[in-house]
Amino acid sequence: MKIKLKDYIKELEEKINHKKIEKEEIENLYTWILFFQHERLVHLIVTFFTGISTILFLLGLLYFSTIPLLLLFLITLCLFIPYIFYYYYLENGVQKLYDLYFQAKKI
């Protein structure tokens, strides 16, 4: 998804810079924005619950000090960090699509 978003933004920027974007492509851009917004929402929910799980496992680990809680904490922490970076990329990508959409509407 990350590569798809990056390629699509690059393609749109080239078309907008050369002022070669058609009305049909602007409508298609709006559809892509909706698609990426949905993707962003799903990853926000996953990131939120992974973060909550990480914190709960950390609190459990501090209270009970058991090996299974340590393993669960490490697993969720290893998932949580990449989820944050991926969500950050999606958020910025969707914001960039908003900007491109408004630029394309002005052409």
PDB file of N, CA and C in Angstrom:
ATOM      1  N   MET A   1       0.827  -1.185   0.000  1.00  0.00           N
ATOM      2  CA  MET A   1       0.000   0.000   0.000  1.00  0.00           C
ATOM      3  C   MET A   1       0.878   1.257   0.000  1.00  0.00           C
ATOM      4  N   LYS A   2       1.970   1.171   0.721  1.00  0.00           N
ATOM      5  CA  LYS A   2       2.868   2.321   0.811  1.00  0.00           C
ATOM      6  C   LYS A   2       3.443   2.666  -0.566  1.00  0.00           C
ATOM      7  N   ILE A   3       3.840   1.648  -1.301  1.00  0.00           N
ATOM      8  CA  ILE A   3       4.404   1.859  -2.638  1.00  0.00           C
ATOM      9  C   ILE A   3       3.337   2.389  -3.591  1.00  0.00           C
ATOM     10  N   LYS A   4       2.122   1.848  -3.478  1.00  0.00           N
ATOM     11  CA  LYS A   4       1.018   2.284  -4.327  1.00  0.00           C
ATOM     12  C   LYS A   4       0.716   3.771  -4.102  1.00  0.00           C
ATOM     13  N   LEU A   5       0.686   4.187  -2.845  1.00  0.00           N
ATOM     14  CA  LEU A   5       0.418   5.583  -2.513  1.00  0.00           C
ATOM     15  C   LEU A   5       1.534   6.479  -3.034  1.00  0.00           C
ATOM     16  N   LYS A   6       2.775   6.060  -2.837  1.00  0.00           N
ATOM     17  CA  LYS A   6       3.922   6.851  -3.291  1.00  0.00           C
ATOM     18  C   LYS A   6       3.911   7.025  -4.810  1.00  0.00           C
ATOM     19  N   ASP A   7       3.668   5.934  -5.531  1.00  0.00           N
ATOM     20  CA  ASP A   7       3.625   5.995  -6.998  1.00  0.00           C
ATOM     21  C   ASP A   7       2.477   6.865  -7.493  1.00  0.00           C
ATOM     22  N   TYR A   8       1.327   6.749  -6.849  1.00  0.00           N
ATOM     23  CA  TYR A   8       0.160   7.526  -7.266  1.00  0.00           C
ATOM     24  C   TYR A   8       0.386   9.017  -7.042  1.00  0.00           C
ATOM     25  N   ILE A   9       0.988   9.369  -5.924  1.00  0.00           N
ATOM     26  CA  ILE A   9       1.282  10.784  -5.651  1.00  0.00           C
ATOM     27  C   ILE A   9       2.266  11.326  -6.680  1.00  0.00           C
ATOM     28  N   LYS A  10       3.289  10.552  -6.995  1.00  0.00           N
ATOM     29  CA  LYS A  10       4.284  10.990  -7.977  1.00  0.00           C
ATOM     30  C   LYS A  10       3.640  11.203  -9.346  1.00  0.00           C
ATOM     31  N   GLU A  11       2.789  10.271  -9.749  1.00  0.00           N
ATOM     32  CA  GLU A  11       2.096  10.373 -11.033  1.00  0.00           C
ATOM     33  C   GLU A  11       1.204  11.615 -11.077  1.00  0.00           C
ATOM     34  N   LEU A  12       0.476  11.858 -10.002  1.00  0.00           N
ATOM     35  CA  LEU A  12      -0.412  13.031  -9.952  1.00  0.00           C
ATOM     36  C   LEU A  12       0.369  14.334  -9.988  1.00  0.00           C
ATOM     37  N   GLU A  13       1.465  14.384  -9.251  1.00  0.00           N
ATOM     38  CA  GLU A  13       2.277  15.607  -9.237  1.00  0.00           C
ATOM     39  C   GLU A  13       2.776  15.944 -10.635  1.00  0.00           C
ATOM     40  N   GLU A  14       3.199  14.915 -11.384  1.00  0.00           N
ATOM     41  CA  GLU A  14       3.673  15.151 -12.752  1.00  0.00           C
ATOM     42  C   GLU A  14       2.544  15.685 -13.640  1.00  0.00           C
ATOM     43  N   LYS A  15       1.366  15.100 -13.533  1.00  0.00           N
ATOM     44  CA  LYS A  15       0.239  15.552 -14.347  1.00  0.00           C
ATOM     45  C   LYS A  15      -0.182  16.969 -13.983  1.00  0.00           C
ATOM     46  N   ILE A  16      -0.199  17.263 -12.698  1.00  0.00           N
ATOM     47  CA  ILE A  16      -0.618  18.607 -12.266  1.00  0.00           C
ATOM     48  C   ILE A  16       0.429  19.642 -12.660  1.00  0.00           C
ATOM     49  N   ASN A  17       1.701  19.303 -12.526  1.00  0.00           N
ATOM     50  CA  ASN A  17       2.766  20.245 -12.907  1.00  0.00           C
ATOM     51  C   ASN A  17       2.750  20.540 -14.400  1.00  0.00           C
ATOM     52  N   HIS A  18       2.369  19.567 -15.216  1.00  0.00           N
ATOM     53  CA  HIS A  18       2.293  19.767 -16.654  1.00  0.00           C
ATOM     54  C   HIS A  18       0.895  20.201 -17.102  1.00  0.00           C
ATOM     55  N   LYS A  19       0.010  20.355 -16.120  1.00  0.00           N
ATOM     56  CA  LYS A  19      -1.376  20.772 -16.361  1.00  0.00           C
ATOM     57  C   LYS A  19      -2.070  19.858 -17.375  1.00  0.00           C
ATOM     58  N   LYS A  20      -1.824  18.552 -17.225  1.00  0.00           N
ATOM     59  CA  LYS A  20      -2.415  17.561 -18.123  1.00  0.00           C
ATOM     60  C   LYS A  20      -3.322  16.615 -17.359  1.00  0.00           C
ATOM     61  N   ILE A  21      -4.162  17.168 -16.516  1.00  0.00           N
ATOM     62  CA  ILE A  21      -5.085  16.333 -15.749  1.00  0.00           C
ATOM     63  C   ILE A  21      -6.509  16.622 -16.209  1.00  0.00           C
ATOM     64  N   GLU A  22      -7.245  15.578 -16.429  1.00  0.00           N
ATOM     65  CA  GLU A  22      -8.610  15.716 -16.936  1.00  0.00           C
ATOM     66  C   GLU A  22      -9.613  15.600 -15.794  1.00  0.00           C
ATOM     67  N   LYS A  23     -10.834  16.002 -16.083  1.00  0.00           N
ATOM     68  CA  LYS A  23     -11.892  15.961 -15.071  1.00  0.00           C
ATOM     69  C   LYS A  23     -12.121  14.544 -14.557  1.00  0.00           C
ATOM     70  N   GLU A  24     -12.046  13.572 -15.439  1.00  0.00           N
ATOM     71  CA  GLU A  24     -12.233  12.170 -15.051  1.00  0.00           C
ATOM     72  C   GLU A  24     -11.156  11.726 -14.047  1.00  0.00           C
ATOM     73  N   GLU A  25      -9.945  12.202 -14.247  1.00  0.00           N
ATOM     74  CA  GLU A  25      -8.853  11.863 -13.334  1.00  0.00           C
ATOM     75  C   GLU A  25      -9.026  12.527 -11.969  1.00  0.00           C
ATOM     76  N   ILE A  26      -9.626  13.702 -11.950  1.00  0.00           N
ATOM     77  CA  ILE A  26      -9.895  14.380 -10.676  1.00  0.00           C
ATOM     78  C   ILE A  26     -10.944  13.600  -9.892  1.00  0.00           C
ATOM     79  N   GLU A  27     -11.955  13.100 -10.584  1.00  0.00           N
ATOM     80  CA  GLU A  27     -12.961  12.270  -9.916  1.00  0.00           C
ATOM     81  C   GLU A  27     -12.342  10.965  -9.427  1.00  0.00           C
ATOM     82  N   ASN A  28     -11.431  10.414 -10.208  1.00  0.00           N
ATOM     83  CA  ASN A  28     -10.719   9.207  -9.808  1.00  0.00           C
ATOM     84  C   ASN A  28      -9.852   9.485  -8.570  1.00  0.00           C
ATOM     85  N   LEU A  29      -9.251  10.667  -8.526  1.00  0.00           N
ATOM     86  CA  LEU A  29      -8.448  11.064  -7.365  1.00  0.00           C
ATOM     87  C   LEU A  29      -9.313  11.091  -6.111  1.00  0.00           C
ATOM     88  N   TYR A  30     -10.524  11.609  -6.229  1.00  0.00           N
ATOM     89  CA  TYR A  30     -11.429  11.649  -5.078  1.00  0.00           C
ATOM     90  C   TYR A  30     -11.736  10.236  -4.583  1.00  0.00           C
ATOM     91  N   THR A  31     -11.908   9.301  -5.500  1.00  0.00           N
ATOM     92  CA  THR A  31     -12.145   7.906  -5.129  1.00  0.00           C
ATOM     93  C   THR A  31     -10.929   7.323  -4.413  1.00  0.00           C
ATOM     94  N   TRP A  32      -9.743   7.622  -4.917  1.00  0.00           N
ATOM     95  CA  TRP A  32      -8.523   7.148  -4.259  1.00  0.00           C
ATOM     96  C   TRP A  32      -8.384   7.751  -2.862  1.00  0.00           C
ATOM     97  N   ILE A  33      -8.755   9.009  -2.709  1.00  0.00           N
ATOM     98  CA  ILE A  33      -8.697   9.639  -1.386  1.00  0.00           C
ATOM     99  C   ILE A  33      -9.591   8.874  -0.409  1.00  0.00           C
ATOM    100  N   LEU A  34     -10.802   8.546  -0.845  1.00  0.00           N
ATOM    101  CA  LEU A  34     -11.712   7.785   0.019  1.00  0.00           C
ATOM    102  C   LEU A  34     -11.120   6.419   0.369  1.00  0.00           C
ATOM    103  N   PHE A  35     -10.505   5.788  -0.601  1.00  0.00           N
ATOM    104  CA  PHE A  35      -9.892   4.488  -0.379  1.00  0.00           C
ATOM    105  C   PHE A  35      -8.766   4.582   0.651  1.00  0.00           C
ATOM    106  N   PHE A  36      -7.890   5.561   0.485  1.00  0.00           N
ATOM    107  CA  PHE A  36      -6.777   5.718   1.421  1.00  0.00           C
ATOM    108  C   PHE A  36      -7.250   6.209   2.794  1.00  0.00           C
ATOM    109  N   GLN A  37      -8.330   6.958   2.857  1.00  0.00           N
ATOM    110  CA  GLN A  37      -8.897   7.346   4.149  1.00  0.00           C
ATOM    111  C   GLN A  37      -9.368   6.112   4.904  1.00  0.00           C
ATOM    112  N   HIS A  38      -9.988   5.192   4.196  1.00  0.00           N
ATOM    113  CA  HIS A  38     -10.436   3.959   4.830  1.00  0.00           C
ATOM    114  C   HIS A  38      -9.232   3.167   5.342  1.00  0.00           C
ATOM    115  N   GLU A  39      -8.218   3.069   4.530  1.00  0.00           N
ATOM    116  CA  GLU A  39      -6.989   2.375   4.927  1.00  0.00           C
ATOM    117  C   GLU A  39      -6.385   3.028   6.168  1.00  0.00           C
ATOM    118  N   ARG A  40      -6.389   4.343   6.177  1.00  0.00           N
ATOM    119  CA  ARG A  40      -5.846   5.090   7.316  1.00  0.00           C
ATOM    120  C   ARG A  40      -6.660   4.822   8.581  1.00  0.00           C
ATOM    121  N   LEU A  41      -7.981   4.783   8.463  1.00  0.00           N
ATOM    122  CA  LEU A  41      -8.837   4.520   9.618  1.00  0.00           C
ATOM    123  C   LEU A  41      -8.587   3.124  10.182  1.00  0.00           C
ATOM    124  N   VAL A  42      -8.489   2.145   9.305  1.00  0.00           N
ATOM    125  CA  VAL A  42      -8.227   0.779   9.752  1.00  0.00           C
ATOM    126  C   VAL A  42      -6.904   0.712  10.494  1.00  0.00           C
ATOM    127  N   HIS A  43      -5.884   1.347   9.951  1.00  0.00           N
ATOM    128  CA  HIS A  43      -4.578   1.299  10.605  1.00  0.00           C
ATOM    129  C   HIS A  43      -4.535   2.135  11.880  1.00  0.00           C
ATOM    130  N   LEU A  44      -5.350   3.167  11.967  1.00  0.00           N
ATOM    131  CA  LEU A  44      -5.451   3.911  13.223  1.00  0.00           C
ATOM    132  C   LEU A  44      -6.014   3.016  14.316  1.00  0.00           C
ATOM    133  N   ILE A  45      -7.060   2.273  13.986  1.00  0.00           N
ATOM    134  CA  ILE A  45      -7.674   1.371  14.969  1.00  0.00           C
ATOM    135  C   ILE A  45      -6.687   0.290  15.388  1.00  0.00           C
ATOM    136  N   VAL A  46      -5.996  -0.317  14.417  1.00  0.00           N
ATOM    137  CA  VAL A  46      -5.014  -1.354  14.733  1.00  0.00           C
ATOM    138  C   VAL A  46      -3.884  -0.789  15.575  1.00  0.00           C
ATOM    139  N   THR A  47      -3.384   0.379  15.209  1.00  0.00           N
ATOM    140  CA  THR A  47      -2.302   1.011  15.965  1.00  0.00           C
ATOM    141  C   THR A  47      -2.750   1.345  17.384  1.00  0.00           C
ATOM    142  N   PHE A  48      -3.956   1.854  17.525  1.00  0.00           N
ATOM    143  CA  PHE A  48      -4.480   2.194  18.841  1.00  0.00           C
ATOM    144  C   PHE A  48      -4.554   0.963  19.742  1.00  0.00           C
ATOM    145  N   PHE A  49      -5.135  -0.115  19.240  1.00  0.00           N
ATOM    146  CA  PHE A  49      -5.276  -1.316  20.066  1.00  0.00           C
ATOM    147  C   PHE A  49      -3.938  -1.997  20.329  1.00  0.00           C
ATOM    148  N   THR A  50      -3.027  -1.920  19.389  1.00  0.00           N
ATOM    149  CA  THR A  50      -1.689  -2.464  19.628  1.00  0.00           C
ATOM    150  C   THR A  50      -0.976  -1.655  20.704  1.00  0.00           C
ATOM    151  N   GLY A  51      -1.133  -0.334  20.662  1.00  0.00           N
ATOM    152  CA  GLY A  51      -0.528   0.520  21.686  1.00  0.00           C
ATOM    153  C   GLY A  51      -1.125   0.276  23.062  1.00  0.00           C
ATOM    154  N   ILE A  52      -2.440   0.146  23.121  1.00  0.00           N
ATOM    155  CA  ILE A  52      -3.102  -0.143  24.398  1.00  0.00           C
ATOM    156  C   ILE A  52      -2.639  -1.494  24.935  1.00  0.00           C
ATOM    157  N   SER A  53      -2.551  -2.490  24.056  1.00  0.00           N
ATOM    158  CA  SER A  53      -2.082  -3.817  24.480  1.00  0.00           C
ATOM    159  C   SER A  53      -0.655  -3.752  24.998  1.00  0.00           C
ATOM    160  N   THR A  54       0.183  -3.002  24.317  1.00  0.00           N
ATOM    161  CA  THR A  54       1.577  -2.852  24.750  1.00  0.00           C
ATOM    162  C   THR A  54       1.642  -2.250  26.152  1.00  0.00           C
ATOM    163  N   ILE A  55       0.870  -1.219  26.382  1.00  0.00           N
ATOM    164  CA  ILE A  55       0.865  -0.566  27.698  1.00  0.00           C
ATOM    165  C   ILE A  55       0.320  -1.515  28.764  1.00  0.00           C
ATOM    166  N   LEU A  56      -0.756  -2.221  28.450  1.00  0.00           N
ATOM    167  CA  LEU A  56      -1.321  -3.154  29.430  1.00  0.00           C
ATOM    168  C   LEU A  56      -0.342  -4.286  29.760  1.00  0.00           C
ATOM    169  N   PHE A  57       0.342  -4.815  28.738  1.00  0.00           N
ATOM    170  CA  PHE A  57       1.333  -5.864  29.004  1.00  0.00           C
ATOM    171  C   PHE A  57       2.511  -5.320  29.810  1.00  0.00           C
ATOM    172  N   LEU A  58       2.888  -4.075  29.569  1.00  0.00           N
ATOM    173  CA  LEU A  58       3.962  -3.461  30.359  1.00  0.00           C
ATOM    174  C   LEU A  58       3.535  -3.308  31.818  1.00  0.00           C
ATOM    175  N   LEU A  59       2.314  -2.838  32.034  1.00  0.00           N
ATOM    176  CA  LEU A  59       1.821  -2.696  33.407  1.00  0.00           C
ATOM    177  C   LEU A  59       1.725  -4.054  34.096  1.00  0.00           C
ATOM    178  N   GLY A  60       1.243  -5.055  33.367  1.00  0.00           N
ATOM    179  CA  GLY A  60       1.176  -6.406  33.920  1.00  0.00           C
ATOM    180  C   GLY A  60       2.559  -6.939  34.233  1.00  0.00           C
ATOM    181  N   LEU A  61       3.500  -6.650  33.358  1.00  0.00           N
ATOM    182  CA  LEU A  61       4.879  -7.086  33.576  1.00  0.00           C
ATOM    183  C   LEU A  61       5.474  -6.428  34.813  1.00  0.00           C
ATOM    184  N   LEU A  62       5.206  -5.142  34.989  1.00  0.00           N
ATOM    185  CA  LEU A  62       5.728  -4.443  36.169  1.00  0.00           C
ATOM    186  C   LEU A  62       5.097  -4.962  37.457  1.00  0.00           C
ATOM    187  N   TYR A  63       3.850  -5.381  37.374  1.00  0.00           N
ATOM    188  CA  TYR A  63       3.141  -5.844  38.565  1.00  0.00           C
ATOM    189  C   TYR A  63       3.435  -7.312  38.878  1.00  0.00           C
ATOM    190  N   PHE A  64       3.408  -8.171  37.843  1.00  0.00           N
ATOM    191  CA  PHE A  64       3.540  -9.616  38.073  1.00  0.00           C
ATOM    192  C   PHE A  64       4.942 -10.161  37.783  1.00  0.00           C
ATOM    193  N   SER A  65       5.703  -9.528  36.918  1.00  0.00           N
ATOM    194  CA  SER A  65       7.074  -9.935  36.554  1.00  0.00           C
ATOM    195  C   SER A  65       7.160 -11.397  36.125  1.00  0.00           C
ATOM    196  N   THR A  66       6.416 -11.760  35.088  1.00  0.00           N
ATOM    197  CA  THR A  66       6.474 -13.125  34.574  1.00  0.00           C
ATOM    198  C   THR A  66       7.025 -13.123  33.144  1.00  0.00           C
ATOM    199  N   ILE A  67       7.603 -14.245  32.765  1.00  0.00           N
ATOM    200  CA  ILE A  67       8.191 -14.386  31.438  1.00  0.00           C
ATOM    201  C   ILE A  67       7.130 -14.282  30.328  1.00  0.00           C
ATOM    202  N   PRO A  68       5.952 -14.915  30.468  1.00  0.00           N
ATOM    203  CA  PRO A  68       4.946 -14.774  29.389  1.00  0.00           C
ATOM    204  C   PRO A  68       4.531 -13.315  29.153  1.00  0.00           C
ATOM    205  N   LEU A  69       4.409 -12.539  30.213  1.00  0.00           N
ATOM    206  CA  LEU A  69       4.058 -11.124  30.028  1.00  0.00           C
ATOM    207  C   LEU A  69       5.201 -10.363  29.375  1.00  0.00           C
ATOM    208  N   LEU A  70       6.431 -10.722  29.696  1.00  0.00           N
ATOM    209  CA  LEU A  70       7.584 -10.093  29.047  1.00  0.00           C
ATOM    210  C   LEU A  70       7.564 -10.392  27.552  1.00  0.00           C
ATOM    211  N   LEU A  71       7.291 -11.642  27.192  1.00  0.00           N
ATOM    212  CA  LEU A  71       7.230 -12.006  25.775  1.00  0.00           C
ATOM    213  C   LEU A  71       6.094 -11.284  25.056  1.00  0.00           C
ATOM    214  N   LEU A  72       4.924 -11.232  25.690  1.00  0.00           N
ATOM    215  CA  LEU A  72       3.798 -10.512  25.078  1.00  0.00           C
ATOM    216  C   LEU A  72       4.102  -9.025  24.920  1.00  0.00           C
ATOM    217  N   PHE A  73       4.747  -8.448  25.923  1.00  0.00           N
ATOM    218  CA  PHE A  73       5.127  -7.038  25.836  1.00  0.00           C
ATOM    219  C   PHE A  73       6.093  -6.809  24.678  1.00  0.00           C
ATOM    220  N   LEU A  74       7.105  -7.657  24.551  1.00  0.00           N
ATOM    221  CA  LEU A  74       8.093  -7.490  23.484  1.00  0.00           C
ATOM    222  C   LEU A  74       7.475  -7.683  22.102  1.00  0.00           C
ATOM    223  N   ILE A  75       6.578  -8.650  21.977  1.00  0.00           N
ATOM    224  CA  ILE A  75       5.916  -8.891  20.692  1.00  0.00           C
ATOM    225  C   ILE A  75       5.061  -7.689  20.292  1.00  0.00           C
ATOM    226  N   THR A  76       4.253  -7.202  21.225  1.00  0.00           N
ATOM    227  CA  THR A  76       3.386  -6.055  20.882  1.00  0.00           C
ATOM    228  C   THR A  76       4.207  -4.794  20.656  1.00  0.00           C
ATOM    229  N   LEU A  77       5.306  -4.641  21.373  1.00  0.00           N
ATOM    230  CA  LEU A  77       6.173  -3.476  21.156  1.00  0.00           C
ATOM    231  C   LEU A  77       6.802  -3.544  19.763  1.00  0.00           C
ATOM    232  N   CYS A  78       7.226  -4.751  19.363  1.00  0.00           N
ATOM    233  CA  CYS A  78       7.804  -4.924  18.022  1.00  0.00           C
ATOM    234  C   CYS A  78       6.783  -4.680  16.920  1.00  0.00           C
ATOM    235  N   LEU A  79       5.515  -4.884  17.202  1.00  0.00           N
ATOM    236  CA  LEU A  79       4.466  -4.572  16.235  1.00  0.00           C
ATOM    237  C   LEU A  79       4.087  -3.097  16.267  1.00  0.00           C
ATOM    238  N   PHE A  80       4.074  -2.527  17.451  1.00  0.00           N
ATOM    239  CA  PHE A  80       3.592  -1.163  17.639  1.00  0.00           C
ATOM    240  C   PHE A  80       4.479  -0.129  16.939  1.00  0.00           C
ATOM    241  N   ILE A  81       5.771  -0.298  17.033  1.00  0.00           N
ATOM    242  CA  ILE A  81       6.694   0.690  16.452  1.00  0.00           C
ATOM    243  C   ILE A  81       6.528   0.789  14.926  1.00  0.00           C
ATOM    244  N   PRO A  82       6.536  -0.325  14.178  1.00  0.00           N
ATOM    245  CA  PRO A  82       6.297  -0.189  12.725  1.00  0.00           C
ATOM    246  C   PRO A  82       4.902   0.340  12.383  1.00  0.00           C
ATOM    247  N   TYR A  83       3.897  -0.024  13.199  1.00  0.00           N
ATOM    248  CA  TYR A  83       2.554   0.498  12.957  1.00  0.00           C
ATOM    249  C   TYR A  83       2.526   2.017  13.062  1.00  0.00           C
ATOM    250  N   ILE A  84       3.251   2.576  13.993  1.00  0.00           N
ATOM    251  CA  ILE A  84       3.290   4.040  14.141  1.00  0.00           C
ATOM    252  C   ILE A  84       3.881   4.677  12.888  1.00  0.00           C
ATOM    253  N   PHE A  85       4.992   4.136  12.414  1.00  0.00           N
ATOM    254  CA  PHE A  85       5.626   4.699  11.225  1.00  0.00           C
ATOM    255  C   PHE A  85       4.736   4.554   9.992  1.00  0.00           C
ATOM    256  N   TYR A  86       4.088   3.411   9.863  1.00  0.00           N
ATOM    257  CA  TYR A  86       3.211   3.191   8.723  1.00  0.00           C
ATOM    258  C   TYR A  86       2.007   4.128   8.784  1.00  0.00           C
ATOM    259  N   TYR A  87       1.409   4.279   9.949  1.00  0.00           N
ATOM    260  CA  TYR A  87       0.276   5.184  10.079  1.00  0.00           C
ATOM    261  C   TYR A  87       0.704   6.623   9.780  1.00  0.00           C
ATOM    262  N   TYR A  88       1.871   7.000  10.247  1.00  0.00           N
ATOM    263  CA  TYR A  88       2.410   8.334   9.975  1.00  0.00           C
ATOM    264  C   TYR A  88       2.524   8.559   8.465  1.00  0.00           C
ATOM    265  N   TYR A  89       3.029   7.553   7.750  1.00  0.00           N
ATOM    266  CA  TYR A  89       3.165   7.663   6.295  1.00  0.00           C
ATOM    267  C   TYR A  89       1.790   7.779   5.626  1.00  0.00           C
ATOM    268  N   LEU A  90       0.841   6.961   6.067  1.00  0.00           N
ATOM    269  CA  LEU A  90      -0.509   7.034   5.494  1.00  0.00           C
ATOM    270  C   LEU A  90      -1.151   8.396   5.744  1.00  0.00           C
ATOM    271  N   GLU A  91      -1.004   8.886   6.956  1.00  0.00           N
ATOM    272  CA  GLU A  91      -1.595  10.190   7.300  1.00  0.00           C
ATOM    273  C   GLU A  91      -1.021  11.291   6.410  1.00  0.00           C
ATOM    274  N   ASN A  92       0.284  11.324   6.283  1.00  0.00           N
ATOM    275  CA  ASN A  92       0.903  12.351   5.444  1.00  0.00           C
ATOM    276  C   ASN A  92       0.562  12.161   3.968  1.00  0.00           C
ATOM    277  N   GLY A  93       0.446  10.907   3.531  1.00  0.00           N
ATOM    278  CA  GLY A  93       0.074  10.644   2.145  1.00  0.00           C
ATOM    279  C   GLY A  93      -1.330  11.124   1.829  1.00  0.00           C
ATOM    280  N   VAL A  94      -2.256  10.895   2.724  1.00  0.00           N
ATOM    281  CA  VAL A  94      -3.635  11.354   2.508  1.00  0.00           C
ATOM    282  C   VAL A  94      -3.687  12.882   2.527  1.00  0.00           C
ATOM    283  N   GLN A  95      -2.939  13.501   3.404  1.00  0.00           N
ATOM    284  CA  GLN A  95      -2.886  14.966   3.428  1.00  0.00           C
ATOM    285  C   GLN A  95      -2.330  15.503   2.108  1.00  0.00           C
ATOM    286  N   LYS A  96      -1.322  14.815   1.568  1.00  0.00           N
ATOM    287  CA  LYS A  96      -0.754  15.214   0.277  1.00  0.00           C
ATOM    288  C   LYS A  96      -1.786  15.041  -0.834  1.00  0.00           C
ATOM    289  N   LEU A  97      -2.574  13.965  -0.771  1.00  0.00           N
ATOM    290  CA  LEU A  97      -3.631  13.770  -1.768  1.00  0.00           C
ATOM    291  C   LEU A  97      -4.678  14.879  -1.695  1.00  0.00           C
ATOM    292  N   TYR A  98      -4.992  15.335  -0.483  1.00  0.00           N
ATOM    293  CA  TYR A  98      -5.923  16.469  -0.344  1.00  0.00           C
ATOM    294  C   TYR A  98      -5.371  17.686  -1.084  1.00  0.00           C
ATOM    295  N   ASP A  99      -4.097  17.984  -0.840  1.00  0.00           N
ATOM    296  CA  ASP A  99      -3.471  19.142  -1.493  1.00  0.00           C
ATOM    297  C   ASP A  99      -3.498  18.999  -3.016  1.00  0.00           C
ATOM    298  N   LEU A 100      -3.163  17.811  -3.501  1.00  0.00           N
ATOM    299  CA  LEU A 100      -3.164  17.583  -4.944  1.00  0.00           C
ATOM    300  C   LEU A 100      -4.570  17.694  -5.520  1.00  0.00           C
ATOM    301  N   TYR A 101      -5.549  17.230  -4.784  1.00  0.00           N
ATOM    302  CA  TYR A 101      -6.942  17.322  -5.236  1.00  0.00           C
ATOM    303  C   TYR A 101      -7.340  18.795  -5.410  1.00  0.00           C
ATOM    304  N   PHE A 102      -7.013  19.607  -4.424  1.00  0.00           N
ATOM    305  CA  PHE A 102      -7.389  21.027  -4.531  1.00  0.00           C
ATOM    306  C   PHE A 102      -6.591  21.726  -5.618  1.00  0.00           C
ATOM    307  N   GLN A 103      -5.343  21.347  -5.816  1.00  0.00           N
ATOM    308  CA  GLN A 103      -4.566  21.919  -6.925  1.00  0.00           C
ATOM    309  C   GLN A 103      -5.173  21.518  -8.269  1.00  0.00           C
ATOM    310  N   ALA A 104      -5.577  20.271  -8.391  1.00  0.00           N
ATOM    311  CA  ALA A 104      -6.145  19.777  -9.645  1.00  0.00           C
ATOM    312  C   ALA A 104      -7.482  20.453  -9.928  1.00  0.00           C
ATOM    313  N   LYS A 105      -8.263  20.720  -8.898  1.00  0.00           N
ATOM    314  CA  LYS A 105      -9.551  21.396  -9.098  1.00  0.00           C
ATOM    315  C   LYS A 105      -9.375  22.819  -9.629  1.00  0.00           C
ATOM    316  N   LYS A 106      -8.237  23.442  -9.300  1.00  0.00           N
ATOM    317  CA  LYS A 106      -7.985  24.818  -9.745  1.00  0.00           C
ATOM    318  C   LYS A 106      -7.569  24.889 -11.220  1.00  0.00           C
ATOM    319  N   ILE A 107      -7.072  23.769 -11.756  1.00  0.00           N
ATOM    320  CA  ILE A 107      -6.589  23.775 -13.156  1.00  0.00           C
ATOM    321  C   ILE A 107      -7.762  23.822 -14.112  1.00  0.00           C
TER     322      ILE A 107
END
